[in-house]
Structure formats: structure tokens, C-alpha cells
Amino acid sequence: MSGVTMKNLLRGQVYSCNFADGTTMFEWIDLTSQSKDDHLVFVSRLPHRRLLDRIDVSKVETYWMTHRVGQAHIAPDLEQLHKLMLSRISNHHGCIILEGLEWLVTLHGETVVLNFVRSLRDDLHRTQWSILIPIKPLAFNSIWLARFHREAPDIYLMIEDHAEEVIHNVEVDVEEPKTEAASTEEGLPVLVMLNRLPKVGFTKSILRKRILQWRRMGLDVSEVEPALHLGPAASYDLYAVVEEKVRRAVELEQLVDATQEHLTASEQTTCKFRIRQLTGFDDIQAMLMSR
């Protein structure tokens, strides 16, 4: 197996990878989606709402593979999947991630699915796209798996810029929530005050984790994303600016909750949505102080 990143996935090729650890798969997709060079299409076994705290769905074209009918849903039907992929690879360039091969084999059989993968390989020839199929090898017959790997070679995906998070003997702690985030009465995630990240030991890997934590709270922190492509000093400076905005957002939401008896339900909802956009802080505070 070779270790590759999105930058050196060969165009016009179908690949497979062992993503037994789903966390690694989502981390790779989320990191890759930060690049503006390629379009990402993700056919997932998870519904859209389950992806929100794992990847930035605004930057990935996602489809839920399910028997249910709905927007951005696609049935586990090989003809429909094939049609979707053909429509994408005829334009632009990028990568399609097709999750759920184990389910497709259960539904359609090994031979049919192998022919499907073989046809995808032929379709991709001389295009500017690649297809990545995450699999769990132990779910398949070893003989069939060997045939499958001839059509979709097995690769190891590296997480770019995965810097060590212990530098100069200073460990930077990016706290992880122990349980799923609680929700407000409006159905929004509750905002939580996280510890500031120190400048010593600050890396882009740590910044990515913090951005993901903020996204899980429903915060629009797109302003900080360019920091992932800046030098260390400029990256931290931009993070610090957004960190202050987030802290003010948390404090404002607490103030909204403390004065909720003086606000209409519509006003509370509007305030909390604006807070999560990190905008209109002065207007919100002035309104709350007048109540």
C-alpha cells in the first residue's frame, strides 16, 4: 500500500481503502474539503444530520444512500449510483467517495458489484476524477476481495500536515465533549465556552479540531478557515480574532437566556441565529440592555 493524500490521487482511477476507523475517514474528508482545487462528492450511509458534526457539509456534495425517498437521498441501486457518478465525472474535477460497499454486495451479490466497479474504472479513464471506496476487508470473501483490489487498488490515505501536538514539552489540550451536545428549546446546539488555545504548541492539526468543535455548536467560523493555509504566526493571529468573537457569542447567548422572560420567542430565536453567525453583536446587546 502507498500513503497518499488528495494531491497525489491519480486522476482517472478507482481506489479502495481500509477505513475500519470511521473517524479517520471523516477527518480525511473534512481536511480534503478545505481545498478549493477539487470538488468532493460523498455518498454516505449516514443521514445529513449525522454528518453535520463530522464534516463541513457546505463544502461537500453529500448524498444519503437509503431506501427512503427525499432530497439528496439516493437508493442503493447500482444504476442510480452509476448515473449520478457519470453526471459528475463529465464536468470539472475531483473525487467521489462511495461508502457502503458491504451493503451493496449484500443487496446485489459479489459478481454484480464487481462488474459495477469495473464499469466505473472504465468510465473514469482519461477523466479528471478519482473514485474512493472505503471498505472493511473482513466483511468480504478473500478471493473476491483480491479480484476487487485488481479493479480498485488498496491505498493508505495520509492526513496532511498531521503535526505532533506536543511541542517543547507543552501539551496542548483540545477538550472533546464527553457526550453529544445538548440542544436549546429552538433545537440549536448549546454554546459552550472552550479553553483558549495557547500560542506555544499551536498547530494546524489542533486548529482543525477546534474549528470542528465550533461547527458542532452551529457557529459559522468560516472566517478562520484561511488560517489553515497561513504561516504559524498569521494563523494564530487569525484564530485569536475569531476566538474572541466566539467567546462574545457564548456570553451573549447566556445573556439572552437570562433575559428570556422579557423577549418574545421570535426575538430569542432571531438573536441565537445571529449569534451563531457571529454578527450583529452590538445590536443584540443593545436590545437586551433595553429590556
Protein backbone atom coordinates (compact mmCIF):
# COMPACT_ATOMS: atom_id res chain seq x y z
CA MET A 1 0.00 0.00 0.00
CA SER A 2 1.16 3.53 -0.68
CA GLY A 3 0.41 6.50 1.51
CA VAL A 4 -1.28 9.23 -0.48
CA THR A 5 -3.09 12.49 0.04
CA MET A 6 -5.72 14.08 -2.17
CA LYS A 7 -2.98 15.95 -4.02
CA ASN A 8 -1.49 12.79 -5.49
CA LEU A 9 -4.54 10.62 -6.01
CA LEU A 10 -4.20 9.80 -9.69
CA ARG A 11 -6.94 11.12 -11.93
CA GLY A 12 -8.99 8.57 -13.80
CA GLN A 13 -8.52 5.86 -11.16
CA VAL A 14 -10.71 3.89 -8.74
CA TYR A 15 -9.18 3.24 -5.32
CA SER A 16 -10.18 1.38 -2.21
CA CYS A 17 -9.01 1.98 1.33
CA ASN A 18 -9.41 0.30 4.67
CA PHE A 19 -11.30 2.79 6.81
CA ALA A 20 -12.17 0.47 9.67
CA ASP A 21 -11.84 3.58 11.84
CA GLY A 22 -14.65 5.84 10.64
CA THR A 23 -13.15 8.79 12.50
CA THR A 24 -10.13 8.73 10.20
CA MET A 25 -12.34 8.67 7.12
CA PHE A 26 -14.31 11.73 8.21
CA GLU A 27 -11.14 13.54 9.24
CA TRP A 28 -9.68 12.92 5.77
CA ILE A 29 -12.86 14.08 4.02
CA ASP A 30 -13.14 17.19 6.18
CA LEU A 31 -9.50 18.10 5.65
CA THR A 32 -9.67 17.48 1.90
CA SER A 33 -12.82 19.59 1.60
CA GLN A 34 -10.88 22.65 2.78
CA SER A 35 -9.07 22.71 -0.57
CA LYS A 36 -10.74 24.71 -3.33
CA ASP A 37 -8.91 22.74 -6.02
CA ASP A 38 -11.28 19.78 -6.21
CA HIS A 39 -14.96 19.00 -5.91
CA LEU A 40 -15.91 16.32 -3.39
CA VAL A 41 -18.96 14.08 -3.69
CA PHE A 42 -19.73 11.83 -0.72
CA VAL A 43 -22.30 9.03 -0.95
CA SER A 44 -22.75 8.07 2.69
CA ARG A 45 -24.63 5.52 4.76
CA LEU A 46 -25.32 8.30 7.29
CA PRO A 47 -28.15 10.87 7.01
CA HIS A 48 -27.25 14.51 6.51
CA ARG A 49 -27.92 15.48 10.14
CA ARG A 50 -25.40 12.85 11.32
CA LEU A 51 -22.71 14.35 9.10
CA LEU A 52 -23.03 17.89 10.44
CA ASP A 53 -20.69 17.33 13.39
CA ARG A 54 -18.16 15.36 11.33
CA ILE A 55 -17.56 17.30 8.14
CA ASP A 56 -18.31 20.74 6.71
CA VAL A 57 -21.32 19.77 4.60
CA SER A 58 -21.31 23.19 2.93
CA LYS A 59 -18.13 22.14 1.14
CA VAL A 60 -19.01 18.55 0.26
CA GLU A 61 -21.80 17.39 -2.06
CA THR A 62 -23.42 14.70 0.07
CA TYR A 63 -26.00 12.00 -0.63
CA TRP A 64 -27.59 9.65 1.86
CA MET A 65 -27.77 6.13 0.44
CA THR A 66 -31.10 4.87 1.71
CA HIS A 67 -34.37 3.30 0.62
CA ARG A 68 -36.15 6.41 1.91
CA VAL A 69 -37.24 8.99 -0.64
CA GLY A 70 -36.10 12.55 -0.08
CA GLN A 71 -33.90 15.41 -1.19
CA ALA A 72 -30.22 14.43 -1.50
CA HIS A 73 -31.23 10.78 -0.97
CA ILE A 74 -30.14 8.04 -3.35
CA ALA A 75 -31.32 4.45 -3.35
CA PRO A 76 -28.78 1.61 -3.03
CA ASP A 77 -29.44 0.93 -6.71
CA LEU A 78 -26.38 0.41 -8.90
CA GLU A 79 -28.00 2.01 -11.93
CA GLN A 80 -28.89 5.16 -9.99
CA LEU A 81 -25.42 5.34 -8.44
CA HIS A 82 -23.83 4.86 -11.85
CA LYS A 83 -25.97 7.63 -13.34
CA LEU A 84 -25.05 10.02 -10.50
CA MET A 85 -21.34 9.39 -10.94
CA LEU A 86 -21.46 9.74 -14.72
CA SER A 87 -23.17 13.11 -14.34
CA ARG A 88 -20.36 14.31 -12.07
CA ILE A 89 -17.29 13.00 -13.89
CA SER A 90 -18.42 14.63 -17.13
CA ASN A 91 -17.63 18.05 -15.62
CA HIS A 92 -14.88 19.69 -13.59
CA HIS A 93 -12.56 17.52 -11.48
CA GLY A 94 -12.50 16.00 -8.03
CA CYS A 95 -13.14 12.85 -6.05
CA ILE A 96 -16.21 10.72 -5.36
CA ILE A 97 -16.27 8.78 -2.08
CA LEU A 98 -18.65 5.83 -2.23
CA GLU A 99 -19.38 4.38 1.20
CA GLY A 100 -21.45 1.26 1.82
CA LEU A 101 -19.91 -1.35 -0.48
CA GLU A 102 -20.71 -4.05 2.08
CA TRP A 103 -24.41 -3.22 1.85
CA LEU A 104 -24.34 -3.14 -1.95
CA VAL A 105 -22.76 -6.62 -2.06
CA THR A 106 -25.44 -7.91 0.32
CA LEU A 107 -28.19 -6.48 -1.91
CA HIS A 108 -26.83 -7.27 -5.36
CA GLY A 109 -24.24 -10.02 -4.94
CA GLU A 110 -20.47 -10.12 -5.39
CA THR A 111 -20.41 -10.62 -9.16
CA VAL A 112 -22.80 -7.78 -9.97
CA VAL A 113 -21.00 -5.32 -7.68
CA LEU A 114 -17.60 -6.31 -9.11
CA ASN A 115 -18.90 -5.63 -12.62
CA PHE A 116 -20.22 -2.29 -11.37
CA VAL A 117 -16.79 -1.30 -10.02
CA ARG A 118 -15.16 -2.46 -13.26
CA SER A 119 -17.51 -0.25 -15.28
CA LEU A 120 -16.68 2.71 -13.03
CA ARG A 121 -12.99 2.16 -13.71
CA ASP A 122 -13.66 2.22 -17.46
CA ASP A 123 -15.82 5.34 -17.16
CA LEU A 124 -13.10 7.20 -15.25
CA HIS A 125 -10.42 6.59 -17.87
CA ARG A 126 -8.96 9.91 -19.06
CA THR A 127 -11.23 11.97 -16.80
CA GLN A 128 -10.16 14.44 -14.12
CA TRP A 129 -11.87 12.47 -11.38
CA SER A 130 -10.97 9.67 -8.98
CA ILE A 131 -13.29 7.40 -7.00
CA LEU A 132 -12.50 6.25 -3.48
CA ILE A 133 -14.35 3.26 -1.98
CA PRO A 134 -13.88 2.83 1.79
CA ILE A 135 -14.24 -0.82 2.78
CA LYS A 136 -13.98 -3.17 5.73
CA PRO A 137 -11.90 -6.06 4.31
CA LEU A 138 -13.06 -8.62 6.88
CA ALA A 139 -16.61 -8.30 5.54
CA PHE A 140 -15.63 -9.89 2.22
CA ASN A 141 -14.53 -13.26 0.90
CA SER A 142 -10.74 -13.18 0.44
CA ILE A 143 -10.88 -14.44 -3.16
CA TRP A 144 -13.48 -11.85 -4.14
CA LEU A 145 -11.50 -9.17 -2.29
CA ALA A 146 -8.39 -9.98 -4.36
CA ARG A 147 -10.42 -9.55 -7.57
CA PHE A 148 -11.91 -6.32 -6.27
CA HIS A 149 -8.45 -4.92 -5.50
CA ARG A 150 -7.40 -5.51 -9.11
CA GLU A 151 -10.13 -3.07 -10.12
CA ALA A 152 -9.72 -0.72 -7.14
CA PRO A 153 -6.16 -0.88 -5.75
CA ASP A 154 -5.82 -0.59 -1.99
CA ILE A 155 -4.18 2.61 -0.77
CA TYR A 156 -3.42 4.22 2.56
CA LEU A 157 -4.65 7.79 2.92
CA MET A 158 -2.41 10.13 4.86
CA ILE A 159 -3.74 13.06 6.84
CA GLU A 160 -1.76 16.03 5.56
CA ASP A 161 0.04 18.32 7.97
CA HIS A 162 -0.66 15.99 10.89
CA ALA A 163 1.77 17.69 13.22
CA GLU A 164 2.62 16.42 16.66
CA GLU A 165 0.53 18.13 19.30
CA VAL A 166 3.27 18.03 21.92
CA ILE A 167 5.87 20.70 21.19
CA HIS A 168 8.64 21.81 23.51
CA ASN A 169 7.17 19.52 26.17
CA VAL A 170 3.98 21.61 26.19
CA GLU A 171 0.86 19.56 25.58
CA VAL A 172 -1.99 21.48 24.00
CA ASP A 173 -5.31 20.17 25.23
CA VAL A 174 -8.19 20.39 22.79
CA GLU A 175 -11.01 19.22 25.00
CA GLU A 176 -13.58 16.91 23.47
CA PRO A 177 -17.20 16.83 24.65
CA LYS A 178 -17.91 13.66 26.61
CA THR A 179 -21.47 13.42 25.32
CA GLU A 180 -23.46 14.73 22.39
CA ALA A 181 -24.10 18.45 22.60
CA ALA A 182 -27.29 19.48 24.35
CA SER A 183 -29.84 21.48 22.39
CA THR A 184 -31.76 24.66 23.16
CA GLU A 185 -35.53 24.89 23.01
CA GLU A 186 -35.10 26.15 19.44
CA GLY A 187 -33.24 22.96 18.53
CA LEU A 188 -29.85 24.70 18.36
CA PRO A 189 -26.73 23.23 19.98
CA VAL A 190 -25.91 24.90 23.31
CA LEU A 191 -22.86 27.16 23.11
CA VAL A 192 -20.04 26.16 25.44
CA MET A 193 -17.03 28.23 26.50
CA LEU A 194 -13.92 26.30 25.45
CA ASN A 195 -10.41 26.91 26.76
CA ARG A 196 -8.28 29.30 24.73
CA LEU A 197 -5.57 27.57 22.74
CA PRO A 198 -2.08 28.78 23.75
CA LYS A 199 0.32 30.08 21.13
CA VAL A 200 3.01 27.65 22.25
CA GLY A 201 2.25 24.28 20.71
CA PHE A 202 -0.37 25.68 18.33
CA THR A 203 -0.56 23.63 15.10
CA LYS A 204 -2.92 23.44 12.16
CA SER A 205 -3.95 19.97 13.30
CA ILE A 206 -5.09 21.45 16.61
CA LEU A 207 -6.80 24.33 14.81
CA ARG A 208 -8.77 21.89 12.65
CA LYS A 209 -10.06 20.16 15.78
CA ARG A 210 -11.11 23.48 17.30
CA ILE A 211 -12.90 24.51 14.08
CA LEU A 212 -14.80 21.22 14.14
CA GLN A 213 -15.80 21.81 17.78
CA TRP A 214 -17.12 25.25 16.88
CA ARG A 215 -19.04 23.85 13.92
CA ARG A 216 -20.66 21.27 16.19
CA MET A 217 -22.07 24.17 18.18
CA GLY A 218 -23.59 25.57 15.00
CA LEU A 219 -21.18 28.51 14.76
CA ASP A 220 -20.25 29.98 11.38
CA VAL A 221 -16.47 30.14 11.71
CA SER A 222 -15.63 30.29 8.01
CA GLU A 223 -13.62 33.44 8.78
CA VAL A 224 -10.91 31.36 10.47
CA GLU A 225 -10.58 28.70 7.75
CA PRO A 226 -7.92 30.63 5.76
CA ALA A 227 -5.69 30.21 8.85
CA LEU A 228 -5.24 26.58 7.81
CA HIS A 229 -3.18 27.81 4.87
CA LEU A 230 -1.18 30.59 6.57
CA GLY A 231 2.15 30.63 8.34
CA PRO A 232 2.28 29.86 12.10
CA ALA A 233 2.17 33.47 13.35
CA ALA A 234 -0.54 34.68 10.96
CA SER A 235 -2.53 31.50 11.54
CA TYR A 236 -2.60 32.02 15.30
CA ASP A 237 -3.41 35.74 14.97
CA LEU A 238 -6.48 34.96 12.85
CA TYR A 239 -7.52 32.20 15.24
CA ALA A 240 -7.26 34.66 18.17
CA VAL A 241 -9.57 37.14 16.41
CA VAL A 242 -12.25 34.52 15.82
CA GLU A 243 -11.74 33.08 19.33
CA GLU A 244 -12.72 36.46 20.80
CA LYS A 245 -15.84 36.57 18.64
CA VAL A 246 -16.83 33.08 19.75
CA ARG A 247 -16.34 33.95 23.40
CA ARG A 248 -18.53 37.01 23.00
CA ALA A 249 -21.13 34.85 21.23
CA VAL A 250 -21.23 32.47 24.20
CA GLU A 251 -21.59 35.35 26.66
CA LEU A 252 -24.36 36.92 24.59
CA GLU A 253 -26.31 33.69 24.39
CA GLN A 254 -26.10 33.38 28.17
CA LEU A 255 -27.46 36.93 28.41
CA VAL A 256 -30.31 36.03 26.04
CA ASP A 257 -31.19 33.08 28.28
CA ALA A 258 -31.01 35.26 31.40
CA THR A 259 -33.45 37.81 29.95
CA GLN A 260 -35.70 35.40 28.06
CA GLU A 261 -38.77 36.33 30.09
CA HIS A 262 -38.55 39.82 28.56
CA LEU A 263 -38.19 38.52 24.98
CA THR A 264 -40.66 37.02 22.60
CA ALA A 265 -39.98 33.53 21.25
CA SER A 266 -39.26 35.07 17.85
CA GLU A 267 -36.75 37.51 19.33
CA GLN A 268 -34.95 34.74 21.19
CA THR A 269 -34.70 32.61 18.06
CA THR A 270 -33.51 35.52 15.93
CA CYS A 271 -30.87 36.51 18.47
CA LYS A 272 -29.48 33.00 18.72
CA PHE A 273 -29.30 32.53 14.98
CA ARG A 274 -27.47 35.86 14.57
CA ILE A 275 -25.15 34.96 17.43
CA ARG A 276 -24.19 31.75 15.62
CA GLN A 277 -23.39 33.78 12.52
CA LEU A 278 -21.03 35.84 14.72
CA THR A 279 -22.71 39.04 13.53
CA GLY A 280 -24.80 41.86 14.99
CA PHE A 281 -23.35 41.56 18.50
CA ASP A 282 -23.67 45.27 19.31
CA ASP A 283 -27.29 45.41 18.13
CA ILE A 284 -28.22 42.31 20.13
CA GLN A 285 -26.53 43.59 23.29
CA ALA A 286 -28.20 47.00 22.97
CA MET A 287 -31.62 45.35 22.60
CA LEU A 288 -31.03 43.12 25.63
CA MET A 289 -29.83 46.01 27.78
CA SER A 290 -33.00 47.96 26.95
CA ARG A 291 -35.28 45.21 28.30
